[in-house]
Amino acid sequence: MSLTVGTDTYLDLEGAAAYFNDRLHSQAWVAATDPDRERALKTATRLLDTLDYQGVRTSRTQGLAWPRLCIMDPRGSAVPGNTVPTFVSAACAEWGIWLLSHDPAQPVHTVTRKQVGDLNVELAASLPDALPPLVRAYLAPFLSGSQNTAQIVP
């Protein structure tokens, strides 16, 4: 198995190793085998490509969602249409390490009712956020519509 940046991943193993070299709590990445790391990056890329981004693909024939046109970075500068922002590569790495330590196919169980003494608390049931927190943080400037907003519940 091998990775091809721009075809099946946004980040190769060397780029991911450099990213995780400077990151705390990267044990899941360090402990994984190269084939598992490659699968994690490919899966993360496929998941990233399911999201709704601002702008448009640079080419109608490109396989991945990035690079894109009409995109601004978090500082308000235009992102060149021939590049993938570092935030997207970082999101790929973050989702990859998340996948190495979580099984997205397993259901998430949340507490909806809790009683402590006479106090009863019932929480409204909701679906868990599909994006790992650091992935959402990196992608927030590029997501369009409701994927980049919080829902206020009265």
C-alpha atoms as a PDB file:
ATOM      1  CA  MET A   1       0.000   0.000   0.000  1.00  0.00           C
ATOM      2  CA  SER A   2       1.215   3.502  -0.677  1.00  0.00           C
ATOM      3  CA  LEU A   3      -0.081   7.037  -0.439  1.00  0.00           C
ATOM      4  CA  THR A   4      -0.318   9.497  -3.297  1.00  0.00           C
ATOM      5  CA  VAL A   5      -0.768  13.062  -2.083  1.00  0.00           C
ATOM      6  CA  GLY A   6      -3.421  14.750  -4.195  1.00  0.00           C
ATOM      7  CA  THR A   7      -4.933  11.428  -5.297  1.00  0.00           C
ATOM      8  CA  ASP A   8      -5.885   9.470  -2.184  1.00  0.00           C
ATOM      9  CA  THR A   9      -4.585  11.613   0.679  1.00  0.00           C
ATOM     10  CA  TYR A  10      -3.782  15.178   1.677  1.00  0.00           C
ATOM     11  CA  LEU A  11      -0.708  14.128   3.641  1.00  0.00           C
ATOM     12  CA  ASP A  12       1.986  11.498   3.232  1.00  0.00           C
ATOM     13  CA  LEU A  13       3.661   9.553   6.033  1.00  0.00           C
ATOM     14  CA  GLU A  14       6.641  11.909   6.142  1.00  0.00           C
ATOM     15  CA  GLY A  15       4.406  14.962   6.478  1.00  0.00           C
ATOM     16  CA  ALA A  16       2.329  13.251   9.148  1.00  0.00           C
ATOM     17  CA  ALA A  17       5.474  12.207  11.038  1.00  0.00           C
ATOM     18  CA  ALA A  18       6.686  15.821  11.016  1.00  0.00           C
ATOM     19  CA  TYR A  19       3.278  17.001  12.237  1.00  0.00           C
ATOM     20  CA  PHE A  20       3.121  14.474  15.087  1.00  0.00           C
ATOM     21  CA  ASN A  21       6.754  15.054  16.036  1.00  0.00           C
ATOM     22  CA  ASP A  22       5.687  18.491  17.320  1.00  0.00           C
ATOM     23  CA  ARG A  23       2.359  17.396  18.852  1.00  0.00           C
ATOM     24  CA  LEU A  24       1.659  16.244  22.392  1.00  0.00           C
ATOM     25  CA  HIS A  25      -0.273  13.028  22.938  1.00  0.00           C
ATOM     26  CA  SER A  26       0.603  11.377  19.644  1.00  0.00           C
ATOM     27  CA  GLN A  27       1.105   7.887  21.102  1.00  0.00           C
ATOM     28  CA  ALA A  28      -1.572   6.319  18.891  1.00  0.00           C
ATOM     29  CA  TRP A  29       0.329   7.489  15.806  1.00  0.00           C
ATOM     30  CA  VAL A  30       3.730   6.388  17.111  1.00  0.00           C
ATOM     31  CA  ALA A  31       2.407   2.950  18.102  1.00  0.00           C
ATOM     32  CA  ALA A  32       0.718   2.283  14.741  1.00  0.00           C
ATOM     33  CA  THR A  33       2.304   0.396  11.870  1.00  0.00           C
ATOM     34  CA  ASP A  34       2.935   2.174   8.557  1.00  0.00           C
ATOM     35  CA  PRO A  35       0.114   0.244   6.817  1.00  0.00           C
ATOM     36  CA  ASP A  36      -2.315   1.326   9.564  1.00  0.00           C
ATOM     37  CA  ARG A  37      -1.066   4.918   9.342  1.00  0.00           C
ATOM     38  CA  GLU A  38      -1.620   4.878   5.583  1.00  0.00           C
ATOM     39  CA  ARG A  39      -5.138   3.477   6.015  1.00  0.00           C
ATOM     40  CA  ALA A  40      -5.866   6.135   8.650  1.00  0.00           C
ATOM     41  CA  LEU A  41      -4.738   8.968   6.344  1.00  0.00           C
ATOM     42  CA  LYS A  42      -6.686   7.565   3.385  1.00  0.00           C
ATOM     43  CA  THR A  43      -9.817   7.150   5.498  1.00  0.00           C
ATOM     44  CA  ALA A  44      -9.399  10.627   6.987  1.00  0.00           C
ATOM     45  CA  THR A  45      -9.090  12.058   3.469  1.00  0.00           C
ATOM     46  CA  ARG A  46     -12.268  10.277   2.339  1.00  0.00           C
ATOM     47  CA  LEU A  47     -14.086  11.637   5.392  1.00  0.00           C
ATOM     48  CA  LEU A  48     -12.734  15.142   4.813  1.00  0.00           C
ATOM     49  CA  ASP A  49     -14.052  14.991   1.256  1.00  0.00           C
ATOM     50  CA  THR A  50     -17.599  14.395   2.485  1.00  0.00           C
ATOM     51  CA  LEU A  51     -17.745  17.853   4.068  1.00  0.00           C
ATOM     52  CA  ASP A  52     -19.244  20.944   2.451  1.00  0.00           C
ATOM     53  CA  TYR A  53     -16.531  23.545   1.896  1.00  0.00           C
ATOM     54  CA  GLN A  54     -16.635  27.123   0.730  1.00  0.00           C
ATOM     55  CA  GLY A  55     -15.375  27.870  -2.765  1.00  0.00           C
ATOM     56  CA  VAL A  56     -15.211  25.484  -5.691  1.00  0.00           C
ATOM     57  CA  ARG A  57     -12.846  22.757  -6.800  1.00  0.00           C
ATOM     58  CA  THR A  58      -9.982  23.981  -8.936  1.00  0.00           C
ATOM     59  CA  SER A  59     -10.864  21.438 -11.627  1.00  0.00           C
ATOM     60  CA  ARG A  60     -13.963  19.408 -12.368  1.00  0.00           C
ATOM     61  CA  THR A  61     -11.782  16.355 -12.928  1.00  0.00           C
ATOM     62  CA  GLN A  62      -9.799  16.448  -9.665  1.00  0.00           C
ATOM     63  CA  GLY A  63     -10.420  13.505  -7.391  1.00  0.00           C
ATOM     64  CA  LEU A  64     -10.231  15.252  -4.016  1.00  0.00           C
ATOM     65  CA  ALA A  65     -12.138  18.242  -2.647  1.00  0.00           C
ATOM     66  CA  TRP A  66      -8.918  20.294  -2.361  1.00  0.00           C
ATOM     67  CA  PRO A  67      -7.379  22.426  -3.828  1.00  0.00           C
ATOM     68  CA  ARG A  68     -10.208  24.962  -4.175  1.00  0.00           C
ATOM     69  CA  LEU A  69     -10.785  28.406  -5.625  1.00  0.00           C
ATOM     70  CA  CYS A  70     -12.321  31.429  -3.864  1.00  0.00           C
ATOM     71  CA  ILE A  71     -11.027  30.458  -0.407  1.00  0.00           C
ATOM     72  CA  MET A  72      -9.729  32.772   2.299  1.00  0.00           C
ATOM     73  CA  ASP A  73      -7.418  31.614   5.078  1.00  0.00           C
ATOM     74  CA  PRO A  74      -8.170  32.430   8.740  1.00  0.00           C
ATOM     75  CA  ARG A  75      -6.128  35.630   8.429  1.00  0.00           C
ATOM     76  CA  GLY A  76      -8.215  36.871   5.500  1.00  0.00           C
ATOM     77  CA  SER A  77      -5.683  36.186   2.746  1.00  0.00           C
ATOM     78  CA  ALA A  78      -6.675  34.408  -0.456  1.00  0.00           C
ATOM     79  CA  VAL A  79      -5.540  30.784  -0.612  1.00  0.00           C
ATOM     80  CA  PRO A  80      -3.846  30.089  -3.962  1.00  0.00           C
ATOM     81  CA  GLY A  81      -5.973  27.751  -6.083  1.00  0.00           C
ATOM     82  CA  ASN A  82      -3.114  25.319  -6.579  1.00  0.00           C
ATOM     83  CA  THR A  83      -2.439  24.615  -2.899  1.00  0.00           C
ATOM     84  CA  VAL A  84      -4.018  22.700  -0.063  1.00  0.00           C
ATOM     85  CA  PRO A  85      -3.990  24.849   3.096  1.00  0.00           C
ATOM     86  CA  THR A  86      -1.849  23.589   5.951  1.00  0.00           C
ATOM     87  CA  PHE A  87      -4.990  23.553   8.087  1.00  0.00           C
ATOM     88  CA  VAL A  88      -6.500  20.896   5.782  1.00  0.00           C
ATOM     89  CA  SER A  89      -3.345  18.756   5.965  1.00  0.00           C
ATOM     90  CA  ALA A  90      -3.351  19.151   9.758  1.00  0.00           C
ATOM     91  CA  ALA A  91      -7.040  18.154   9.853  1.00  0.00           C
ATOM     92  CA  CYS A  92      -6.150  15.043   7.845  1.00  0.00           C
ATOM     93  CA  ALA A  93      -3.451  14.143  10.379  1.00  0.00           C
ATOM     94  CA  GLU A  94      -5.772  14.808  13.320  1.00  0.00           C
ATOM     95  CA  TRP A  95      -8.615  12.733  11.903  1.00  0.00           C
ATOM     96  CA  GLY A  96      -6.095  10.020  11.085  1.00  0.00           C
ATOM     97  CA  ILE A  97      -4.827   9.753  14.661  1.00  0.00           C
ATOM     98  CA  TRP A  98      -8.415   9.898  15.927  1.00  0.00           C
ATOM     99  CA  LEU A  99      -9.292   6.941  13.685  1.00  0.00           C
ATOM    100  CA  LEU A 100      -6.351   4.952  15.057  1.00  0.00           C
ATOM    101  CA  SER A 101      -7.781   5.171  18.561  1.00  0.00           C
ATOM    102  CA  HIS A 102     -11.557   5.248  17.880  1.00  0.00           C
ATOM    103  CA  ASP A 103     -13.900   3.072  15.885  1.00  0.00           C
ATOM    104  CA  PRO A 104     -16.357   5.389  14.125  1.00  0.00           C
ATOM    105  CA  ALA A 105     -18.685   2.439  13.492  1.00  0.00           C
ATOM    106  CA  GLN A 106     -19.278   1.966  17.229  1.00  0.00           C
ATOM    107  CA  PRO A 107     -22.333   3.772  18.590  1.00  0.00           C
ATOM    108  CA  VAL A 108     -21.798   6.582  21.056  1.00  0.00           C
ATOM    109  CA  HIS A 109     -23.808   6.290  24.253  1.00  0.00           C
ATOM    110  CA  THR A 110     -24.679   9.478  26.083  1.00  0.00           C
ATOM    111  CA  VAL A 111     -26.380  10.070  29.394  1.00  0.00           C
ATOM    112  CA  THR A 112     -29.824  11.584  28.941  1.00  0.00           C
ATOM    113  CA  ARG A 113     -31.046  11.335  32.538  1.00  0.00           C
ATOM    114  CA  LYS A 114     -29.140  11.588  35.799  1.00  0.00           C
ATOM    115  CA  GLN A 115     -30.418  11.612  39.358  1.00  0.00           C
ATOM    116  CA  VAL A 116     -28.349  12.695  42.329  1.00  0.00           C
ATOM    117  CA  GLY A 117     -30.390  12.684  45.512  1.00  0.00           C
ATOM    118  CA  ASP A 118     -33.505  14.740  44.875  1.00  0.00           C
ATOM    119  CA  LEU A 119     -32.003  16.427  41.820  1.00  0.00           C
ATOM    120  CA  ASN A 120     -33.079  15.068  38.424  1.00  0.00           C
ATOM    121  CA  VAL A 121     -31.403  16.299  35.268  1.00  0.00           C
ATOM    122  CA  GLU A 122     -32.569  15.273  31.820  1.00  0.00           C
ATOM    123  CA  LEU A 123     -30.589  16.234  28.761  1.00  0.00           C
ATOM    124  CA  ALA A 124     -32.062  16.513  25.289  1.00  0.00           C
ATOM    125  CA  ALA A 125     -30.872  13.637  23.125  1.00  0.00           C
ATOM    126  CA  SER A 126     -28.645  14.696  20.264  1.00  0.00           C
ATOM    127  CA  LEU A 127     -26.282  13.177  17.782  1.00  0.00           C
ATOM    128  CA  PRO A 128     -22.611  13.485  18.648  1.00  0.00           C
ATOM    129  CA  ASP A 129     -20.491  15.786  16.515  1.00  0.00           C
ATOM    130  CA  ALA A 130     -19.040  13.691  13.713  1.00  0.00           C
ATOM    131  CA  LEU A 131     -15.869  15.804  13.563  1.00  0.00           C
ATOM    132  CA  PRO A 132     -13.156  15.326  16.157  1.00  0.00           C
ATOM    133  CA  PRO A 133     -12.636  18.662  17.963  1.00  0.00           C
ATOM    134  CA  LEU A 134      -9.214  19.512  16.490  1.00  0.00           C
ATOM    135  CA  VAL A 135     -10.424  18.628  13.005  1.00  0.00           C
ATOM    136  CA  ARG A 136     -13.360  21.019  13.422  1.00  0.00           C
ATOM    137  CA  ALA A 137     -11.033  23.735  14.732  1.00  0.00           C
ATOM    138  CA  TYR A 138      -8.713  23.446  11.733  1.00  0.00           C
ATOM    139  CA  LEU A 139     -11.526  23.316   9.169  1.00  0.00           C
ATOM    140  CA  ALA A 140     -13.897  25.919  10.656  1.00  0.00           C
ATOM    141  CA  PRO A 141     -12.708  28.778   8.400  1.00  0.00           C
ATOM    142  CA  PHE A 142     -13.311  26.688   5.278  1.00  0.00           C
ATOM    143  CA  LEU A 143     -16.640  24.997   6.017  1.00  0.00           C
ATOM    144  CA  SER A 144     -19.785  26.437   4.511  1.00  0.00           C
ATOM    145  CA  GLY A 145     -23.225  26.723   6.018  1.00  0.00           C
ATOM    146  CA  SER A 146     -24.352  24.883   9.104  1.00  0.00           C
ATOM    147  CA  GLN A 147     -21.181  22.799   9.492  1.00  0.00           C
ATOM    148  CA  ASN A 148     -19.413  25.886  10.812  1.00  0.00           C
ATOM    149  CA  THR A 149     -22.101  27.155  13.157  1.00  0.00           C
ATOM    150  CA  ALA A 150     -23.372  26.195  16.572  1.00  0.00           C
ATOM    151  CA  GLN A 151     -27.026  25.526  17.121  1.00  0.00           C
ATOM    152  CA  ILE A 152     -28.604  27.573  19.897  1.00  0.00           C
ATOM    153  CA  VAL A 153     -31.327  25.657  21.714  1.00  0.00           C
ATOM    154  CA  PRO A 154     -33.800  27.769  23.718  1.00  0.00           C
END
